[in-house]
C-alpha cells in the first residue's frame, strides 16, 4: 500500500509540513509500509514550491543519516525507473497507484 500524505489541501507552512512528513514516516515504518507518497504541489499557487524545496532538502539529509532509504520526484514515478521498480517489487499493491506514469512534479515518493 502507498499511503498519501496530503500537504496541499491544508494550512501547512514549511515547518508543519516537515514535521507531518516525519511523523507519517515513523508511523508507516511501524505499520510495515514500504513507501509514502507526499502531495505538496509544485508552486503554481505560490506555496507548494517552498514546501517541495524544503521537503526534498530534508529528505536528502534523512537519506544520508539512514532515516529513509530513498526519495524521488513524481516525474520519475513510473514502471521504467529503477527506484520506482525497487518499491514496486516490495509491494505489488502499489502498481495501482493513480499517479504512476503521470510525471507529476507536485508529488514526492519516499522509500522507507
Protein backbone atom coordinates (compact mmCIF):
# COMPACT_ATOMS: atom_id res chain seq x y z
CA UNK A 1 0.00 0.00 0.00
CA UNK A 2 1.18 3.51 -0.81
CA UNK A 3 -0.09 5.96 1.79
CA UNK A 4 -0.75 9.54 0.73
CA UNK A 5 0.41 12.43 2.88
CA UNK A 6 -1.54 15.43 1.60
CA UNK A 7 0.22 18.72 2.35
CA UNK A 8 -1.50 20.62 -0.42
CA UNK A 9 -5.03 20.71 0.94
CA UNK A 10 -4.47 22.39 4.25
CA UNK A 11 -2.80 25.27 6.00
CA UNK A 12 0.76 23.94 6.09
CA UNK A 13 3.80 26.10 6.50
CA UNK A 14 7.22 24.55 5.86
CA UNK A 15 7.89 23.60 9.48
CA UNK A 16 4.50 21.93 9.97
CA UNK A 17 4.79 20.15 6.62
CA UNK A 18 8.21 18.68 7.50
CA UNK A 19 7.02 17.64 10.97
CA UNK A 20 3.94 16.00 9.48
CA UNK A 21 6.03 14.01 6.99
CA UNK A 22 8.41 12.92 9.76
CA UNK A 23 5.52 11.64 11.88
CA UNK A 24 3.97 9.87 8.89
CA UNK A 25 7.30 8.18 8.07
CA UNK A 26 7.61 6.90 11.62
CA UNK A 27 4.01 5.68 11.60
CA UNK A 28 4.40 3.99 8.20
CA UNK A 29 7.55 2.19 9.33
CA UNK A 30 5.72 0.83 12.38
CA UNK A 31 2.95 -0.41 10.08
CA UNK A 32 5.43 -2.11 7.76
CA UNK A 33 4.77 0.07 4.71
CA UNK A 34 7.49 0.33 2.10
CA UNK A 35 6.80 3.84 0.80
CA UNK A 36 4.84 7.07 1.16
CA UNK A 37 3.58 9.49 -1.45
CA UNK A 38 3.65 13.15 -0.41
CA UNK A 39 1.40 15.59 -2.26
CA UNK A 40 2.96 19.03 -1.86
CA UNK A 41 2.20 20.83 -5.09
CA UNK A 42 4.83 22.43 -7.25
CA UNK A 43 4.40 26.11 -6.56
CA UNK A 44 1.79 27.21 -9.06
CA UNK A 45 -0.12 28.96 -6.24
CA UNK A 46 2.95 30.31 -4.50
CA UNK A 47 3.09 27.84 -1.58
CA UNK A 48 3.83 24.33 -2.80
CA UNK A 49 7.16 25.27 -4.27
CA UNK A 50 8.67 26.28 -0.95
CA UNK A 51 7.39 23.16 0.79
CA UNK A 52 8.67 20.94 -2.04
CA UNK A 53 12.13 22.51 -1.96
CA UNK A 54 12.50 22.28 1.80
CA UNK A 55 10.99 18.80 1.95
CA UNK A 56 13.48 17.47 -0.58
CA UNK A 57 16.34 19.18 1.24
CA UNK A 58 15.22 17.49 4.46
CA UNK A 59 14.75 14.14 2.71
CA UNK A 60 18.33 14.33 1.40
CA UNK A 61 19.51 14.72 5.00
CA UNK A 62 17.26 11.91 6.23
CA UNK A 63 18.58 9.62 3.49
CA UNK A 64 22.17 10.47 4.45
CA UNK A 65 21.57 9.56 8.11
CA UNK A 66 19.57 6.42 7.27
CA UNK A 67 16.11 7.57 8.39
CA UNK A 68 14.75 6.80 4.90
CA UNK A 69 16.06 4.59 2.11
CA UNK A 70 15.43 6.88 -0.85
CA UNK A 71 13.18 9.57 -2.32
CA UNK A 72 12.43 10.95 -5.76
CA UNK A 73 10.06 13.31 -7.53
CA UNK A 74 6.84 12.27 -9.17
CA UNK A 75 8.37 12.86 -12.60
CA UNK A 76 10.28 9.58 -12.09
CA UNK A 77 7.35 7.60 -10.65
CA UNK A 78 6.87 5.00 -13.39
CA UNK A 79 7.44 1.34 -14.21
CA UNK A 80 10.65 2.09 -16.10
CA UNK A 81 12.55 3.92 -13.35
CA UNK A 82 14.89 1.75 -11.25
CA UNK A 83 13.94 3.46 -7.98
CA UNK A 84 10.25 3.01 -8.72
CA UNK A 85 10.83 -0.64 -9.57
CA UNK A 86 12.57 -1.19 -6.22
CA UNK A 87 9.45 -0.01 -4.40
CA UNK A 88 7.04 -1.89 -6.66
CA UNK A 89 8.95 -5.13 -6.16
CA UNK A 90 8.49 -4.82 -2.39
CA UNK A 91 4.72 -4.26 -2.58
CA UNK A 92 2.81 -5.30 -5.71
CA UNK A 93 -0.33 -3.45 -4.50
CA UNK A 94 1.39 -0.17 -5.27
CA UNK A 95 1.09 -0.86 -9.03
CA UNK A 96 -2.45 0.51 -8.77
CA UNK A 97 -1.33 3.96 -7.64
CA UNK A 98 -3.22 6.66 -9.54
CA UNK A 99 -0.10 8.83 -10.03
CA UNK A 100 2.18 6.24 -11.57
CA UNK A 101 3.10 7.36 -15.11
CA UNK A 102 1.64 10.87 -14.67
CA UNK A 103 5.01 12.67 -14.33
CA UNK A 104 3.52 14.75 -11.53
CA UNK A 105 6.06 17.29 -10.20
CA UNK A 106 3.75 18.02 -7.27
CA UNK A 107 4.47 14.73 -5.50
CA UNK A 108 7.46 13.08 -3.92
CA UNK A 109 7.81 9.34 -3.33
CA UNK A 110 9.65 8.29 -0.16
CA UNK A 111 11.04 4.76 0.12
CA UNK A 112 11.19 3.70 3.73
